[in-house]
Amino acid sequence: MGGAAWREPVPWDGPEPLSGPIGVPLVDLLDRVLATGVVVSGDLVIAIADVPLVRLSLHALLSSVSARMPAPWKDGGPL
């Protein structure tokens, strides 16, 4: 092996085309989502007889925070 660590090849590194679903570890997916950020949004409407009574909207931004990055606000933040 020559001192190099051997690792098992992942399906997308192979020479043949992919077939079937590819599994991604949850830790890798979470790391990628938090590194780039993701916006989650949705609407819930409660209606009776096609008359909307209540509408709830959800908009959330998920992202990581770095202590090395200064806050964009001069006073340290809006809260």
C-alpha atoms as a PDB file:
ATOM      1  CA  MET A   1       0.000   0.000   0.000  1.00  0.00           C
ATOM      2  CA  GLY A   2       3.011   2.309   0.337  1.00  0.00           C
ATOM      3  CA  GLY A   3       1.798   4.203   3.387  1.00  0.00           C
ATOM      4  CA  ALA A   4      -1.235   5.650   1.614  1.00  0.00           C
ATOM      5  CA  ALA A   5      -4.559   5.021   3.261  1.00  0.00           C
ATOM      6  CA  TRP A   6      -6.768   2.728   1.200  1.00  0.00           C
ATOM      7  CA  ARG A   7     -10.363   3.760   0.867  1.00  0.00           C
ATOM      8  CA  GLU A   8     -13.274   2.014  -0.738  1.00  0.00           C
ATOM      9  CA  PRO A   9     -14.371   3.748  -3.954  1.00  0.00           C
ATOM     10  CA  VAL A  10     -17.684   5.578  -3.842  1.00  0.00           C
ATOM     11  CA  PRO A  11     -20.285   4.841  -6.573  1.00  0.00           C
ATOM     12  CA  TRP A  12     -19.895   8.201  -8.340  1.00  0.00           C
ATOM     13  CA  ASP A  13     -16.110   7.782  -8.750  1.00  0.00           C
ATOM     14  CA  GLY A  14     -16.428   4.609 -10.841  1.00  0.00           C
ATOM     15  CA  PRO A  15     -15.988   4.427 -14.618  1.00  0.00           C
ATOM     16  CA  GLU A  16     -19.429   2.874 -15.254  1.00  0.00           C
ATOM     17  CA  PRO A  17     -22.631   4.954 -15.314  1.00  0.00           C
ATOM     18  CA  LEU A  18     -24.687   5.140 -12.162  1.00  0.00           C
ATOM     19  CA  SER A  19     -27.732   2.954 -11.713  1.00  0.00           C
ATOM     20  CA  GLY A  20     -30.231   3.043  -8.888  1.00  0.00           C
ATOM     21  CA  PRO A  21     -30.346   5.361  -5.896  1.00  0.00           C
ATOM     22  CA  ILE A  22     -27.155   6.668  -4.308  1.00  0.00           C
ATOM     23  CA  GLY A  23     -27.000   6.952  -0.541  1.00  0.00           C
ATOM     24  CA  VAL A  24     -25.421  10.043   0.991  1.00  0.00           C
ATOM     25  CA  PRO A  25     -24.450   9.931   4.662  1.00  0.00           C
ATOM     26  CA  LEU A  26     -26.577  12.268   6.770  1.00  0.00           C
ATOM     27  CA  VAL A  27     -23.478  13.940   8.225  1.00  0.00           C
ATOM     28  CA  ASP A  28     -22.200  14.854   4.743  1.00  0.00           C
ATOM     29  CA  LEU A  29     -25.605  16.156   3.696  1.00  0.00           C
ATOM     30  CA  LEU A  30     -25.954  18.247   6.864  1.00  0.00           C
ATOM     31  CA  ASP A  31     -22.422  19.618   6.450  1.00  0.00           C
ATOM     32  CA  ARG A  32     -23.129  20.689   2.870  1.00  0.00           C
ATOM     33  CA  VAL A  33     -26.506  22.249   3.765  1.00  0.00           C
ATOM     34  CA  LEU A  34     -25.100  24.224   6.693  1.00  0.00           C
ATOM     35  CA  ALA A  35     -22.029  25.339   4.716  1.00  0.00           C
ATOM     36  CA  THR A  36     -24.122  26.811   1.909  1.00  0.00           C
ATOM     37  CA  GLY A  37     -27.416  27.495   3.707  1.00  0.00           C
ATOM     38  CA  VAL A  38     -30.923  26.489   2.791  1.00  0.00           C
ATOM     39  CA  VAL A  39     -34.298  28.215   2.851  1.00  0.00           C
ATOM     40  CA  VAL A  40     -37.344  26.240   3.977  1.00  0.00           C
ATOM     41  CA  SER A  41     -40.747  27.681   3.195  1.00  0.00           C
ATOM     42  CA  GLY A  42     -44.272  26.378   3.261  1.00  0.00           C
ATOM     43  CA  ASP A  43     -47.903  27.339   3.565  1.00  0.00           C
ATOM     44  CA  LEU A  44     -50.736  25.708   5.482  1.00  0.00           C
ATOM     45  CA  VAL A  45     -54.313  26.709   4.750  1.00  0.00           C
ATOM     46  CA  ILE A  46     -57.239  25.485   6.839  1.00  0.00           C
ATOM     47  CA  ALA A  47     -60.484  25.717   4.910  1.00  0.00           C
ATOM     48  CA  ILE A  48     -64.065  24.573   5.334  1.00  0.00           C
ATOM     49  CA  ALA A  49     -66.244  24.158   2.221  1.00  0.00           C
ATOM     50  CA  ASP A  50     -63.510  25.743   0.071  1.00  0.00           C
ATOM     51  CA  VAL A  51     -63.526  28.885   2.237  1.00  0.00           C
ATOM     52  CA  PRO A  52     -60.032  29.576   3.605  1.00  0.00           C
ATOM     53  CA  LEU A  53     -60.229  30.355   7.328  1.00  0.00           C
ATOM     54  CA  VAL A  54     -56.611  30.273   8.531  1.00  0.00           C
ATOM     55  CA  ARG A  55     -53.366  30.628   6.621  1.00  0.00           C
ATOM     56  CA  LEU A  56     -49.982  29.915   8.197  1.00  0.00           C
ATOM     57  CA  SER A  57     -46.758  30.696   6.362  1.00  0.00           C
ATOM     58  CA  LEU A  58     -43.337  29.396   7.321  1.00  0.00           C
ATOM     59  CA  HIS A  59     -40.097  30.854   6.023  1.00  0.00           C
ATOM     60  CA  ALA A  60     -36.859  29.752   7.680  1.00  0.00           C
ATOM     61  CA  LEU A  61     -33.194  30.148   6.808  1.00  0.00           C
ATOM     62  CA  LEU A  62     -30.841  27.414   8.023  1.00  0.00           C
ATOM     63  CA  SER A  63     -27.148  28.233   7.952  1.00  0.00           C
ATOM     64  CA  SER A  64     -24.042  27.816  10.035  1.00  0.00           C
ATOM     65  CA  VAL A  65     -22.425  30.596  12.049  1.00  0.00           C
ATOM     66  CA  SER A  66     -18.686  31.158  12.120  1.00  0.00           C
ATOM     67  CA  ALA A  67     -17.069  32.867  15.105  1.00  0.00           C
ATOM     68  CA  ARG A  68     -14.305  34.114  12.816  1.00  0.00           C
ATOM     69  CA  MET A  69     -16.743  36.055  10.628  1.00  0.00           C
ATOM     70  CA  PRO A  70     -17.731  39.471  12.023  1.00  0.00           C
ATOM     71  CA  ALA A  71     -21.405  40.377  12.312  1.00  0.00           C
ATOM     72  CA  PRO A  72     -22.721  42.540   9.457  1.00  0.00           C
ATOM     73  CA  TRP A  73     -24.359  44.911  11.974  1.00  0.00           C
ATOM     74  CA  LYS A  74     -22.338  47.655  13.698  1.00  0.00           C
ATOM     75  CA  ASP A  75     -23.935  47.133  17.114  1.00  0.00           C
ATOM     76  CA  GLY A  76     -23.559  43.325  17.091  1.00  0.00           C
ATOM     77  CA  GLY A  77     -26.980  42.350  15.822  1.00  0.00           C
ATOM     78  CA  PRO A  78     -30.654  43.152  15.663  1.00  0.00           C
ATOM     79  CA  LEU A  79     -31.528  41.394  18.927  1.00  0.00           C
END
